[in-house]
Amino acid sequence: MPVVRMPGDLGVAITTGTQAEANELQASIDARHAFVQKYCQEQGWDSTNLSINQVLQIRQQEGWKNP
């Protein structure tokens, strides 16, 4: 069973799909995590303490939509 590593050492087991799909998902998760870190730094935000409005703003960005 492929396992996907989440930022912050959280683990999520993928019970269906292939290793390639799990790798693709992991790459997307890693890219989004990196985007959030960079975007928050640019905005002067603490990425571990975001308001709902900040999260909504992040999710409207191209870097989130297409990691």
N, C-alpha and C. Protein backbone atom coordinates (compact mmCIF):
# COMPACT_ATOMS: atom_id res chain seq x y z
N MET A 1 0.84 -1.17 0.00
CA MET A 1 0.00 0.00 0.00
C MET A 1 0.89 1.24 0.00
N PRO A 2 0.79 2.13 -1.02
CA PRO A 2 1.58 3.34 -1.06
C PRO A 2 1.21 4.27 0.09
N VAL A 3 2.19 4.97 0.61
CA VAL A 3 1.95 5.94 1.68
C VAL A 3 2.40 7.30 1.20
N VAL A 4 1.56 8.30 1.40
CA VAL A 4 1.86 9.67 1.01
C VAL A 4 2.29 10.43 2.23
N ARG A 5 3.45 11.09 2.16
CA ARG A 5 3.96 11.91 3.26
C ARG A 5 3.41 13.32 3.13
N MET A 6 2.89 13.82 4.22
CA MET A 6 2.36 15.17 4.26
C MET A 6 3.35 16.09 4.95
N PRO A 7 3.37 17.38 4.57
CA PRO A 7 4.22 18.31 5.30
C PRO A 7 3.89 18.26 6.79
N GLY A 8 4.89 18.36 7.62
CA GLY A 8 4.67 18.27 9.06
C GLY A 8 4.67 16.84 9.56
N ASP A 9 5.14 15.91 8.73
CA ASP A 9 5.26 14.50 9.10
C ASP A 9 3.93 13.82 9.38
N LEU A 10 2.85 14.33 8.81
CA LEU A 10 1.58 13.62 8.91
C LEU A 10 1.55 12.59 7.79
N GLY A 11 1.08 11.40 8.06
CA GLY A 11 1.05 10.36 7.05
C GLY A 11 -0.37 10.00 6.66
N VAL A 12 -0.59 9.80 5.39
CA VAL A 12 -1.90 9.38 4.90
C VAL A 12 -1.70 8.15 4.05
N ALA A 13 -2.35 7.07 4.38
CA ALA A 13 -2.23 5.83 3.62
C ALA A 13 -3.19 5.88 2.43
N ILE A 14 -2.68 5.58 1.28
CA ILE A 14 -3.50 5.49 0.08
C ILE A 14 -3.81 4.01 -0.15
N THR A 15 -5.08 3.66 -0.08
CA THR A 15 -5.44 2.26 -0.17
C THR A 15 -5.82 1.84 -1.59
N THR A 16 -6.01 2.80 -2.48
CA THR A 16 -6.29 2.48 -3.87
C THR A 16 -5.32 3.25 -4.74
N GLY A 17 -5.13 2.81 -5.95
CA GLY A 17 -4.24 3.51 -6.87
C GLY A 17 -2.86 2.88 -6.91
N THR A 18 -2.04 3.45 -7.74
CA THR A 18 -0.70 2.91 -7.97
C THR A 18 0.34 3.76 -7.25
N GLN A 19 1.55 3.25 -7.21
CA GLN A 19 2.66 4.02 -6.63
C GLN A 19 2.88 5.29 -7.44
N ALA A 20 2.73 5.22 -8.75
CA ALA A 20 2.90 6.41 -9.60
C ALA A 20 1.88 7.48 -9.25
N GLU A 21 0.65 7.07 -8.99
CA GLU A 21 -0.39 8.02 -8.60
C GLU A 21 -0.07 8.62 -7.23
N ALA A 22 0.42 7.80 -6.34
CA ALA A 22 0.79 8.29 -5.01
C ALA A 22 1.95 9.28 -5.12
N ASN A 23 2.91 8.99 -5.99
CA ASN A 23 4.04 9.90 -6.20
C ASN A 23 3.58 11.23 -6.79
N GLU A 24 2.65 11.17 -7.73
CA GLU A 24 2.10 12.38 -8.34
C GLU A 24 1.36 13.22 -7.30
N LEU A 25 0.58 12.57 -6.47
CA LEU A 25 -0.13 13.26 -5.41
C LEU A 25 0.85 13.91 -4.44
N GLN A 26 1.90 13.16 -4.08
CA GLN A 26 2.90 13.70 -3.15
C GLN A 26 3.59 14.92 -3.74
N ALA A 27 3.91 14.88 -5.03
CA ALA A 27 4.55 16.01 -5.69
C ALA A 27 3.64 17.23 -5.67
N SER A 28 2.36 17.04 -5.87
CA SER A 28 1.40 18.13 -5.83
C SER A 28 1.30 18.72 -4.42
N ILE A 29 1.26 17.86 -3.42
CA ILE A 29 1.20 18.30 -2.02
C ILE A 29 2.45 19.11 -1.68
N ASP A 30 3.61 18.60 -2.07
CA ASP A 30 4.87 19.29 -1.79
C ASP A 30 4.92 20.64 -2.48
N ALA A 31 4.47 20.71 -3.74
CA ALA A 31 4.47 21.98 -4.48
C ALA A 31 3.54 22.99 -3.84
N ARG A 32 2.37 22.55 -3.41
CA ARG A 32 1.44 23.47 -2.75
C ARG A 32 1.99 23.95 -1.41
N HIS A 33 2.62 23.06 -0.69
CA HIS A 33 3.21 23.44 0.59
C HIS A 33 4.29 24.51 0.38
N ALA A 34 5.15 24.29 -0.60
CA ALA A 34 6.20 25.26 -0.91
C ALA A 34 5.60 26.59 -1.35
N PHE A 35 4.54 26.53 -2.17
CA PHE A 35 3.89 27.75 -2.61
C PHE A 35 3.33 28.54 -1.42
N VAL A 36 2.66 27.85 -0.51
CA VAL A 36 2.08 28.52 0.66
C VAL A 36 3.17 29.16 1.50
N GLN A 37 4.27 28.45 1.71
CA GLN A 37 5.37 29.01 2.50
C GLN A 37 5.91 30.29 1.86
N LYS A 38 6.14 30.25 0.55
CA LYS A 38 6.69 31.41 -0.15
C LYS A 38 5.68 32.56 -0.17
N TYR A 39 4.43 32.25 -0.47
CA TYR A 39 3.39 33.29 -0.55
C TYR A 39 3.21 33.97 0.81
N CYS A 40 3.17 33.17 1.87
CA CYS A 40 3.01 33.74 3.21
C CYS A 40 4.20 34.62 3.58
N GLN A 41 5.39 34.19 3.21
CA GLN A 41 6.58 34.99 3.49
C GLN A 41 6.49 36.33 2.74
N GLU A 42 6.08 36.29 1.48
CA GLU A 42 5.95 37.51 0.68
C GLU A 42 4.91 38.46 1.27
N GLN A 43 3.85 37.89 1.85
CA GLN A 43 2.78 38.71 2.43
C GLN A 43 3.07 39.14 3.86
N GLY A 44 4.10 38.56 4.46
CA GLY A 44 4.43 38.85 5.85
C GLY A 44 3.50 38.13 6.83
N TRP A 45 2.99 36.97 6.41
CA TRP A 45 2.06 36.19 7.22
C TRP A 45 2.77 35.03 7.89
N ASP A 46 2.22 34.60 9.02
CA ASP A 46 2.66 33.38 9.70
C ASP A 46 1.87 32.22 9.09
N SER A 47 2.54 31.36 8.35
CA SER A 47 1.84 30.28 7.63
C SER A 47 1.19 29.26 8.57
N THR A 48 1.56 29.27 9.84
CA THR A 48 0.96 28.33 10.79
C THR A 48 -0.22 28.94 11.54
N ASN A 49 -0.55 30.19 11.22
CA ASN A 49 -1.64 30.87 11.92
C ASN A 49 -2.38 31.78 10.94
N LEU A 50 -3.04 31.16 9.96
CA LEU A 50 -3.74 31.92 8.92
C LEU A 50 -5.21 32.10 9.25
N SER A 51 -5.75 33.25 8.89
CA SER A 51 -7.18 33.47 9.02
C SER A 51 -7.88 32.80 7.83
N ILE A 52 -9.18 32.65 7.93
CA ILE A 52 -9.93 32.05 6.82
C ILE A 52 -9.80 32.92 5.57
N ASN A 53 -9.77 34.23 5.73
CA ASN A 53 -9.63 35.12 4.57
C ASN A 53 -8.27 34.95 3.91
N GLN A 54 -7.22 34.74 4.70
CA GLN A 54 -5.90 34.50 4.13
C GLN A 54 -5.88 33.17 3.36
N VAL A 55 -6.50 32.15 3.93
CA VAL A 55 -6.57 30.85 3.25
C VAL A 55 -7.33 30.99 1.93
N LEU A 56 -8.43 31.71 1.95
CA LEU A 56 -9.20 31.93 0.73
C LEU A 56 -8.37 32.67 -0.31
N GLN A 57 -7.59 33.67 0.12
CA GLN A 57 -6.73 34.41 -0.79
C GLN A 57 -5.67 33.50 -1.40
N ILE A 58 -5.08 32.66 -0.59
CA ILE A 58 -4.07 31.71 -1.09
C ILE A 58 -4.68 30.80 -2.14
N ARG A 59 -5.86 30.29 -1.86
CA ARG A 59 -6.50 29.33 -2.77
C ARG A 59 -6.96 29.96 -4.08
N GLN A 60 -6.97 31.27 -4.16
CA GLN A 60 -7.31 31.95 -5.41
C GLN A 60 -6.10 32.15 -6.31
N GLN A 61 -4.91 31.90 -5.78
CA GLN A 61 -3.68 32.15 -6.52
C GLN A 61 -3.40 31.00 -7.51
N GLU A 62 -2.76 31.35 -8.61
CA GLU A 62 -2.43 30.37 -9.64
C GLU A 62 -1.49 29.28 -9.10
N GLY A 63 -0.59 29.65 -8.21
CA GLY A 63 0.35 28.69 -7.63
C GLY A 63 -0.34 27.63 -6.80
N TRP A 64 -1.51 27.92 -6.27
CA TRP A 64 -2.28 26.91 -5.53
C TRP A 64 -3.11 26.07 -6.50
N LYS A 65 -3.75 26.75 -7.46
CA LYS A 65 -4.63 26.04 -8.38
C LYS A 65 -3.87 25.07 -9.29
N ASN A 66 -2.69 25.45 -9.70
CA ASN A 66 -1.88 24.62 -10.60
C ASN A 66 -0.48 24.49 -10.05
N PRO A 67 -0.31 23.65 -9.03
CA PRO A 67 1.00 23.54 -8.39
C PRO A 67 2.06 22.93 -9.30
